[in-house]
Amino acid sequence: MENKDKVYTILLVDDEEGIRNVLDITLTHAGFRVLLASDGDMGFNAFKTQKPDIVITDIKMPGIGGIELLKQIKQISPDTEVIMITGHGDMDLAVKSLQYEAADFITKPIDSAELELSVKKAVDRMSINHSIKTYMDDLEGLIRDKDREIDESQSLATIGQTVAGMSHVIKNIAGGLKGSSFILEQGIENENREYLVKGWEMMKGNIDKITNLSLDLLNYAKTSRLNFKLVDPNHPVLELVNFLNPRAIEQKIKFVLSPLYKRPDEKSGEKLSILMDSDAIYNALFNLVTNAFDAFDKNDAFDTGDAFNTGEENNENKGDSADKEVTVSVEKELDWIVYRVEDNGEGMDENISRSLFKEFITTKGAHGTGFGLMTTKKIIDEHNGLIFFETIKGQGSVFTMKIPLQPQGESKG
């Protein structure tokens, strides 16, 4: 983040010595380091050697004028904040300077309060842009680090596909950051608190997206280091339902569990242990169930008390079932444990369904990263399992994960 104790350097370019002296005193008193130049040529040379943070230049000077100096500065340093000084009769030139990306202009005679406000806005813009650059640099560094950990033979068909997927996600985040920066800038310039609050909320939202992307990348890389143990195949599903049941109630979704046997402590029925990474299977199911939750139109709601039912209770409540329903089932089929996640939501069109498990694709717009289903498939591949789905547009989807009962390395038959 930007150092709040930083002393910013301002290059002041004006051919009038009196103005230079007055502004030098004003800006120095305000806590800035000030460089002086008496014409455009000297100003440009000083800019190249001293690299000031902000430039304040008169718009009319002998030799190189202010607009030409502005253009030369922007050619070598587009992010430099340049403030123009103009007379009352030079408004056309002032407007022209804005077309060449001047940050602001102030008119003669110069009011010290107006000058300090213009410089403060320039400092605030630099601070925001610095924060955005820091976030993006951190994100790109994280992607480079995690990209090296991806198992190419197990993940994507080509490196180009990986880069394309990540680029799409980063572009979405960069666009959001740019938009929030613009709103913050408008709030600063217009001293509009509503814009400031809205811009900061947008900024926090995009920081959350960076965090989510980081977690998705970590989960994706982790699947190459799975921890296989003999566990109850119901275990990850029961944990998932306990965690997501409050969200199901909030979204008014009937969340149904059909376990391999009705109760973990029930004596009747077959008790199995399967060699798998329970945390990884939990993550795979989490991706599928949250996708199912997101498959519903949020305006389509129903009233329910407890959104989660299990076993015989499902049949008793069948008549009260509402429009939105997600079912997670665990079954044994021959030599497989089968997990199914079924919803009666929006379903997917043919173009999206063709690309699932093959590309970084999301149906959640700017809210998704596209890593969830790719991570899920990688987890199932690491378990020597199978994953497939059926979907009908407007009717819902069924995702099926099959894990072999045999330990890794044995034939599946």
Protein backbone atom coordinates (compact mmCIF):
# COMPACT_ATOMS: atom_id res chain seq x y z
CA MET A 1 0.00 0.00 0.00
CA GLU A 2 0.99 3.62 -0.44
CA ASN A 3 3.17 4.99 2.36
CA LYS A 4 1.13 7.73 4.08
CA ASP A 5 4.36 9.42 5.23
CA LYS A 6 5.68 9.78 1.69
CA VAL A 7 6.73 13.29 0.66
CA TYR A 8 5.47 13.91 -2.87
CA THR A 9 7.58 15.87 -5.34
CA ILE A 10 5.94 18.58 -7.47
CA LEU A 11 7.57 20.13 -10.53
CA LEU A 12 6.36 23.71 -11.00
CA VAL A 13 6.88 25.17 -14.49
CA ASP A 14 6.07 28.88 -15.03
CA ASP A 15 7.87 31.70 -16.79
CA GLU A 16 6.78 34.28 -14.19
CA GLU A 17 9.23 34.37 -11.29
CA GLY A 18 6.70 35.91 -8.91
CA ILE A 19 4.21 33.08 -9.44
CA ARG A 20 6.96 30.47 -9.04
CA ASN A 21 8.03 31.99 -5.71
CA VAL A 22 4.52 32.27 -4.29
CA LEU A 23 3.51 28.73 -5.32
CA ASP A 24 6.84 27.36 -4.10
CA ILE A 25 6.13 28.76 -0.61
CA THR A 26 2.51 27.57 -0.64
CA LEU A 27 3.31 24.00 -1.72
CA THR A 28 6.36 23.66 0.51
CA HIS A 29 4.29 24.82 3.47
CA ALA A 30 1.70 22.14 2.53
CA GLY A 31 4.37 19.47 2.90
CA PHE A 32 5.53 18.91 -0.70
CA ARG A 33 9.04 18.93 -2.17
CA VAL A 34 9.04 21.52 -4.95
CA LEU A 35 11.19 21.70 -8.09
CA LEU A 36 11.17 24.89 -10.19
CA ALA A 37 11.57 25.50 -13.93
CA SER A 38 11.19 28.77 -15.80
CA ASP A 39 10.14 27.38 -19.20
CA GLY A 40 8.94 24.24 -20.95
CA ASP A 41 12.39 23.05 -22.07
CA MET A 42 13.82 23.28 -18.56
CA GLY A 43 10.67 21.70 -17.20
CA PHE A 44 10.88 18.68 -19.50
CA ASN A 45 14.57 18.15 -18.71
CA ALA A 46 13.81 18.38 -14.99
CA PHE A 47 10.97 15.89 -15.40
CA LYS A 48 13.21 13.33 -17.12
CA THR A 49 15.98 13.60 -14.52
CA GLN A 50 14.01 14.16 -11.29
CA LYS A 51 10.86 12.10 -12.06
CA PRO A 52 8.43 14.16 -9.94
CA ASP A 53 5.06 12.75 -8.86
CA ILE A 54 3.02 15.78 -10.00
CA VAL A 55 3.63 18.53 -12.57
CA ILE A 56 2.01 21.98 -12.39
CA THR A 57 2.62 24.00 -15.55
CA ASP A 58 1.50 27.31 -17.01
CA ILE A 59 -0.43 26.79 -20.23
CA LYS A 60 1.23 29.72 -22.08
CA MET A 61 5.03 30.05 -22.01
CA PRO A 62 7.80 31.02 -24.42
CA GLY A 63 9.24 28.08 -26.34
CA ILE A 64 7.50 24.85 -25.42
CA GLY A 65 4.01 25.74 -24.20
CA GLY A 66 2.12 23.96 -21.47
CA ILE A 67 0.08 21.71 -23.76
CA GLU A 68 3.17 20.56 -25.66
CA LEU A 69 4.92 19.87 -22.35
CA LEU A 70 1.84 17.92 -21.20
CA LYS A 71 1.94 15.77 -24.36
CA GLN A 72 5.67 15.06 -23.98
CA ILE A 73 5.25 14.07 -20.32
CA LYS A 74 2.32 11.77 -21.07
CA GLN A 75 4.30 10.05 -23.84
CA ILE A 76 6.95 8.83 -21.39
CA SER A 77 4.84 8.66 -18.19
CA PRO A 78 1.08 8.29 -18.80
CA ASP A 79 0.28 7.99 -15.08
CA THR A 80 1.86 11.31 -14.08
CA GLU A 81 -0.66 13.83 -12.75
CA VAL A 82 -0.36 17.14 -14.67
CA ILE A 83 -2.24 20.25 -13.50
CA MET A 84 -2.51 23.22 -15.86
CA ILE A 85 -2.40 26.92 -14.90
CA THR A 86 -4.49 29.10 -17.21
CA GLY A 87 -5.70 32.66 -17.52
CA HIS A 88 -9.39 33.54 -17.79
CA GLY A 89 -9.04 34.06 -21.55
CA ASP A 90 -7.45 30.67 -22.13
CA MET A 91 -10.42 28.39 -21.42
CA ASP A 92 -10.30 26.83 -24.90
CA LEU A 93 -6.69 25.82 -24.23
CA ALA A 94 -7.68 24.51 -20.80
CA VAL A 95 -10.37 22.29 -22.31
CA LYS A 96 -7.88 21.13 -24.96
CA SER A 97 -5.42 20.18 -22.21
CA LEU A 98 -8.06 17.89 -20.68
CA GLN A 99 -8.29 16.09 -24.01
CA TYR A 100 -4.59 15.30 -23.62
CA GLU A 101 -5.32 13.84 -20.16
CA ALA A 102 -4.44 16.76 -17.93
CA ALA A 103 -5.66 15.99 -14.40
CA ASP A 104 -7.10 19.43 -13.71
CA PHE A 105 -6.64 23.14 -14.39
CA ILE A 106 -6.64 26.18 -12.12
CA THR A 107 -7.12 29.79 -13.20
CA LYS A 108 -5.13 32.93 -12.46
CA PRO A 109 -5.04 34.66 -10.08
CA ILE A 110 -4.31 31.43 -8.22
CA ASP A 111 -6.16 30.85 -4.97
CA SER A 112 -4.01 28.86 -2.52
CA ALA A 113 -6.98 26.82 -1.24
CA GLU A 114 -7.98 25.90 -4.81
CA LEU A 115 -4.38 24.93 -5.57
CA GLU A 116 -4.08 22.70 -2.50
CA LEU A 117 -7.43 21.02 -3.27
CA SER A 118 -6.37 20.28 -6.85
CA VAL A 119 -3.06 18.80 -5.66
CA LYS A 120 -4.84 16.77 -2.95
CA LYS A 121 -7.14 15.22 -5.56
CA ALA A 122 -4.09 14.31 -7.64
CA VAL A 123 -2.48 12.64 -4.61
CA ASP A 124 -5.68 10.71 -3.87
CA ARG A 125 -5.86 9.46 -7.46
CA MET A 126 -2.23 8.31 -7.31
CA SER A 127 -2.92 6.49 -4.05
CA ILE A 128 -5.93 4.66 -5.53
CA ASN A 129 -4.03 3.73 -8.70
CA HIS A 130 -1.10 2.53 -6.59
CA SER A 131 -3.42 0.29 -4.55
CA ILE A 132 -4.94 -1.19 -7.70
CA LYS A 133 -1.49 -1.86 -9.17
CA THR A 134 -0.38 -3.52 -5.93
CA TYR A 135 -3.43 -5.81 -5.91
CA MET A 136 -2.95 -6.74 -9.55
CA ASP A 137 0.79 -7.35 -9.12
CA ASP A 138 0.07 -9.61 -6.13
CA LEU A 139 -2.55 -11.49 -8.12
CA GLU A 140 -0.28 -11.97 -11.13
CA GLY A 141 2.51 -13.16 -8.83
CA LEU A 142 0.17 -15.66 -7.20
CA ILE A 143 -0.96 -16.96 -10.58
CA ARG A 144 2.66 -17.38 -11.71
CA ASP A 145 3.48 -19.31 -8.53
CA LYS A 146 0.43 -21.57 -8.70
CA ASP A 147 0.77 -22.09 -12.45
CA ARG A 148 4.12 -23.77 -11.81
CA GLU A 149 2.38 -26.22 -9.45
CA ILE A 150 -0.32 -27.31 -11.89
CA ASP A 151 0.11 -30.90 -13.05
CA GLU A 152 -0.06 -30.44 -16.81
CA SER A 153 -0.81 -34.10 -17.53
CA GLN A 154 -3.84 -34.11 -15.21
CA SER A 155 -5.29 -30.66 -15.72
CA LEU A 156 -5.71 -28.99 -19.12
CA ALA A 157 -5.12 -29.91 -22.70
CA THR A 158 -2.66 -27.07 -23.26
CA ILE A 159 -0.90 -24.29 -21.38
CA GLY A 160 -2.61 -21.84 -23.70
CA GLN A 161 -5.98 -22.95 -22.33
CA THR A 162 -4.78 -22.25 -18.79
CA VAL A 163 -3.55 -18.80 -19.73
CA ALA A 164 -6.78 -18.00 -21.57
CA GLY A 165 -8.90 -19.01 -18.59
CA MET A 166 -6.83 -17.04 -16.12
CA SER A 167 -6.71 -14.03 -18.43
CA HIS A 168 -10.51 -13.95 -18.61
CA VAL A 169 -10.79 -13.94 -14.82
CA ILE A 170 -8.10 -11.28 -14.41
CA LYS A 171 -9.72 -9.05 -17.05
CA ASN A 172 -13.03 -9.20 -15.16
CA ILE A 173 -11.31 -8.23 -11.91
CA ALA A 174 -9.25 -5.50 -13.60
CA GLY A 175 -12.39 -4.07 -15.18
CA GLY A 176 -14.12 -4.00 -11.81
CA LEU A 177 -11.15 -2.31 -10.18
CA LYS A 178 -11.02 0.27 -12.93
CA GLY A 179 -14.73 1.00 -12.53
CA SER A 180 -14.49 1.34 -8.76
CA SER A 181 -11.46 3.60 -9.18
CA PHE A 182 -13.45 5.86 -11.51
CA ILE A 183 -16.34 6.16 -9.04
CA LEU A 184 -13.93 6.87 -6.18
CA GLU A 185 -12.27 9.54 -8.31
CA GLN A 186 -15.64 11.14 -9.03
CA GLY A 187 -16.41 11.09 -5.33
CA ILE A 188 -13.11 12.80 -4.55
CA GLU A 189 -13.48 15.42 -7.26
CA ASN A 190 -17.09 16.24 -6.41
CA GLU A 191 -16.72 15.69 -2.66
CA ASN A 192 -19.66 13.29 -2.96
CA ARG A 193 -19.80 10.88 -0.03
CA GLU A 194 -22.31 8.61 -1.79
CA TYR A 195 -19.86 8.06 -4.64
CA LEU A 196 -17.03 7.46 -2.18
CA VAL A 197 -19.03 4.82 -0.30
CA LYS A 198 -20.21 3.14 -3.51
CA GLY A 199 -16.72 3.17 -5.03
CA TRP A 200 -15.17 1.72 -1.89
CA GLU A 201 -17.82 -1.02 -1.70
CA MET A 202 -17.04 -1.92 -5.32
CA MET A 203 -13.33 -1.91 -4.51
CA LYS A 204 -13.88 -4.27 -1.56
CA GLY A 205 -15.98 -6.54 -3.75
CA ASN A 206 -13.17 -6.83 -6.28
CA ILE A 207 -10.66 -7.49 -3.51
CA ASP A 208 -12.97 -10.32 -2.41
CA LYS A 209 -12.85 -11.67 -5.96
CA ILE A 210 -9.05 -11.64 -5.82
CA THR A 211 -9.26 -13.56 -2.53
CA ASN A 212 -11.69 -16.10 -4.00
CA LEU A 213 -9.50 -16.57 -7.04
CA SER A 214 -6.51 -17.14 -4.77
CA LEU A 215 -8.43 -19.78 -2.80
CA ASP A 216 -9.60 -21.46 -6.01
CA LEU A 217 -6.02 -21.61 -7.25
CA LEU A 218 -4.85 -23.08 -3.95
CA ASN A 219 -7.61 -25.72 -4.04
CA TYR A 220 -6.74 -26.54 -7.64
CA ALA A 221 -3.04 -26.99 -6.81
CA LYS A 222 -3.81 -28.98 -3.63
CA THR A 223 -5.49 -31.80 -5.56
CA SER A 224 -2.07 -33.09 -6.59
CA ARG A 225 -1.26 -33.71 -2.89
CA LEU A 226 -4.33 -35.65 -1.73
CA ASN A 227 -4.41 -37.45 1.62
CA PHE A 228 -6.13 -40.82 1.13
CA LYS A 229 -7.72 -42.50 4.17
CA LEU A 230 -10.45 -45.06 4.80
CA VAL A 231 -13.55 -43.04 5.61
CA ASP A 232 -17.32 -43.36 5.72
CA PRO A 233 -18.56 -42.21 2.27
CA ASN A 234 -21.44 -40.40 4.00
CA HIS A 235 -19.03 -38.24 6.01
CA PRO A 236 -18.25 -35.44 3.49
CA VAL A 237 -21.93 -35.19 2.52
CA LEU A 238 -23.14 -34.86 6.11
CA GLU A 239 -20.55 -32.15 6.77
CA LEU A 240 -21.57 -30.32 3.61
CA VAL A 241 -25.28 -30.40 4.44
CA ASN A 242 -24.66 -29.09 7.96
CA PHE A 243 -22.62 -26.23 6.52
CA LEU A 244 -24.91 -25.26 3.62
CA ASN A 245 -28.30 -25.84 5.25
CA PRO A 246 -28.51 -22.22 6.59
CA ARG A 247 -27.85 -20.91 3.08
CA ALA A 248 -30.55 -23.21 1.69
CA ILE A 249 -33.04 -21.85 4.23
CA GLU A 250 -32.05 -18.27 3.38
CA GLN A 251 -32.52 -18.90 -0.36
CA LYS A 252 -35.74 -20.88 0.30
CA ILE A 253 -34.36 -24.01 -1.34
CA LYS A 254 -35.53 -27.46 -0.22
CA PHE A 255 -32.20 -29.19 0.48
CA VAL A 256 -32.59 -32.98 0.55
CA LEU A 257 -30.03 -35.60 1.61
CA SER A 258 -30.42 -39.25 0.65
CA PRO A 259 -27.48 -40.99 2.39
CA LEU A 260 -26.07 -44.46 1.76
CA TYR A 261 -27.83 -45.46 5.00
CA LYS A 262 -30.30 -43.26 6.80
CA ARG A 263 -28.39 -42.57 10.02
CA PRO A 264 -24.65 -42.89 10.72
CA ASP A 265 -25.40 -44.77 13.99
CA GLU A 266 -28.04 -47.07 12.50
CA LYS A 267 -27.21 -50.76 12.99
CA SER A 268 -29.11 -52.03 9.98
CA GLY A 269 -27.76 -51.64 6.50
CA GLU A 270 -24.29 -52.04 5.04
CA LYS A 271 -21.51 -49.95 6.58
CA LEU A 272 -18.66 -49.18 4.21
CA SER A 273 -15.31 -47.46 4.33
CA ILE A 274 -13.74 -46.16 1.16
CA LEU A 275 -10.20 -45.01 0.45
CA MET A 276 -10.43 -41.33 -0.46
CA ASP A 277 -9.49 -37.81 0.58
CA SER A 278 -12.60 -36.76 2.50
CA ASP A 279 -11.71 -33.03 2.40
CA ALA A 280 -11.18 -33.12 -1.36
CA ILE A 281 -14.49 -34.93 -1.97
CA TYR A 282 -16.15 -32.35 0.29
CA ASN A 283 -14.71 -29.57 -1.90
CA ALA A 284 -15.87 -31.32 -5.07
CA LEU A 285 -19.40 -31.70 -3.70
CA PHE A 286 -19.34 -28.13 -2.38
CA ASN A 287 -18.64 -26.82 -5.89
CA LEU A 288 -21.51 -28.87 -7.36
CA VAL A 289 -24.05 -28.01 -4.64
CA THR A 290 -23.30 -24.26 -4.61
CA ASN A 291 -23.57 -24.27 -8.41
CA ALA A 292 -26.96 -25.95 -8.00
CA PHE A 293 -28.04 -23.27 -5.51
CA ASP A 294 -27.00 -20.61 -8.00
CA ALA A 295 -29.03 -22.29 -10.75
CA PHE A 296 -32.28 -20.81 -9.44
CA ASP A 297 -33.88 -17.50 -10.25
CA LYS A 298 -33.54 -15.58 -6.99
CA ASN A 299 -37.02 -14.13 -7.45
CA ASP A 300 -38.56 -17.62 -7.45
CA ALA A 301 -38.96 -18.27 -3.72
CA PHE A 302 -41.09 -20.36 -1.41
CA ASP A 303 -41.75 -20.47 2.28
CA THR A 304 -40.32 -23.36 4.30
CA GLY A 305 -39.24 -24.04 7.83
CA ASP A 306 -36.33 -26.48 7.83
CA ALA A 307 -34.93 -26.62 4.30
CA PHE A 308 -33.03 -29.86 4.95
CA ASN A 309 -34.72 -33.26 5.09
CA THR A 310 -33.31 -36.77 5.16
CA GLY A 311 -34.53 -40.34 4.82
CA GLU A 312 -38.22 -41.08 5.29
CA GLU A 313 -38.94 -37.45 6.17
CA ASN A 314 -38.50 -36.63 2.48
CA ASN A 315 -41.48 -38.76 1.50
CA GLU A 316 -43.63 -37.32 4.29
CA ASN A 317 -42.95 -33.79 3.09
CA LYS A 318 -43.19 -34.56 -0.61
CA GLY A 319 -46.57 -32.94 -0.89
CA ASP A 320 -45.21 -29.75 0.62
CA SER A 321 -42.20 -29.54 -1.65
CA ALA A 322 -41.79 -26.19 -3.35
CA ASP A 323 -40.36 -25.13 -6.68
CA LYS A 324 -36.69 -25.01 -5.73
CA GLU A 325 -35.05 -28.28 -4.71
CA VAL A 326 -31.50 -29.63 -4.52
CA THR A 327 -30.90 -33.29 -3.69
CA VAL A 328 -27.58 -34.87 -2.68
CA SER A 329 -27.57 -38.67 -2.71
CA VAL A 330 -24.99 -41.35 -1.87
CA GLU A 331 -25.40 -44.84 -3.34
CA LYS A 332 -23.42 -48.05 -3.86
CA GLU A 333 -23.49 -49.37 -7.42
CA LEU A 334 -21.43 -52.54 -7.95
CA ASP A 335 -17.83 -51.52 -7.19
CA TRP A 336 -18.50 -47.81 -7.00
CA ILE A 337 -19.69 -45.26 -4.48
CA VAL A 338 -21.87 -42.81 -6.40
CA TYR A 339 -22.55 -39.21 -5.37
CA ARG A 340 -25.33 -37.34 -7.18
CA VAL A 341 -26.26 -33.67 -6.99
CA GLU A 342 -29.59 -32.90 -8.64
CA ASP A 343 -31.43 -29.59 -9.00
CA ASN A 344 -34.57 -28.46 -10.77
CA GLY A 345 -33.11 -25.06 -11.63
CA GLU A 346 -32.37 -23.30 -14.89
CA GLY A 347 -30.25 -26.02 -16.48
CA MET A 348 -27.61 -25.17 -19.09
CA ASP A 349 -27.67 -24.51 -22.79
CA GLU A 350 -25.74 -26.70 -25.20
CA ASN A 351 -22.80 -24.31 -25.68
CA ILE A 352 -22.04 -24.15 -21.95
CA SER A 353 -22.57 -27.85 -21.29
CA ARG A 354 -20.14 -28.78 -24.08
CA SER A 355 -17.39 -26.77 -22.39
CA LEU A 356 -17.83 -28.00 -18.80
CA PHE A 357 -14.75 -29.75 -17.36
CA LYS A 358 -12.78 -28.67 -20.47
CA GLU A 359 -12.35 -24.92 -19.98
CA PHE A 360 -12.36 -22.29 -17.23
CA ILE A 361 -16.03 -21.51 -17.75
CA THR A 362 -18.57 -20.02 -15.36
CA THR A 363 -22.32 -19.48 -15.56
CA LYS A 364 -22.15 -16.91 -12.72
CA GLY A 365 -21.01 -13.92 -14.79
CA ALA A 366 -18.59 -11.61 -13.00
CA HIS A 367 -19.16 -13.48 -9.71
CA GLY A 368 -17.53 -16.73 -10.84
CA THR A 369 -13.90 -17.62 -11.52
CA GLY A 370 -14.45 -20.76 -13.62
CA PHE A 371 -12.13 -22.86 -11.44
CA GLY A 372 -14.82 -24.74 -9.47
CA LEU A 373 -15.77 -27.43 -11.98
CA MET A 374 -12.20 -27.81 -13.23
CA THR A 375 -11.10 -28.41 -9.63
CA THR A 376 -13.93 -30.89 -9.10
CA LYS A 377 -12.95 -32.90 -12.17
CA LYS A 378 -9.29 -32.92 -11.11
CA ILE A 379 -10.27 -34.25 -7.67
CA ILE A 380 -12.30 -37.09 -9.21
CA ASP A 381 -9.51 -37.88 -11.69
CA GLU A 382 -7.05 -38.12 -8.76
CA HIS A 383 -9.42 -40.69 -7.19
CA ASN A 384 -9.45 -42.76 -10.42
CA GLY A 385 -13.14 -41.93 -10.59
CA LEU A 386 -15.65 -40.69 -13.13
CA ILE A 387 -17.75 -37.53 -13.36
CA PHE A 388 -20.53 -36.75 -15.81
CA PHE A 389 -23.77 -34.80 -15.98
CA GLU A 390 -27.14 -34.46 -17.63
CA THR A 391 -28.87 -31.13 -18.11
CA ILE A 392 -32.01 -29.82 -19.76
CA LYS A 393 -32.40 -26.10 -20.29
CA GLY A 394 -35.18 -24.82 -18.05
CA GLN A 395 -35.58 -28.11 -16.15
CA GLY A 396 -32.39 -28.64 -14.16
CA SER A 397 -29.18 -30.66 -14.00
CA VAL A 398 -27.83 -33.87 -12.46
CA PHE A 399 -24.12 -34.21 -11.71
CA THR A 400 -22.77 -37.68 -10.89
CA MET A 401 -19.41 -38.53 -9.29
CA LYS A 402 -18.30 -42.18 -9.08
CA ILE A 403 -15.46 -43.26 -6.76
CA PRO A 404 -14.12 -46.85 -6.94
CA LEU A 405 -14.39 -49.01 -3.84
CA GLN A 406 -10.98 -50.58 -4.51
CA PRO A 407 -7.84 -48.87 -3.19
CA GLN A 408 -5.80 -46.86 -5.68
CA GLY A 409 -3.83 -49.00 -8.08
CA GLU A 410 -6.25 -51.92 -8.10
CA SER A 411 -8.41 -52.71 -11.11
CA LYS A 412 -11.88 -51.24 -11.23
CA GLY A 413 -13.22 -54.27 -13.04
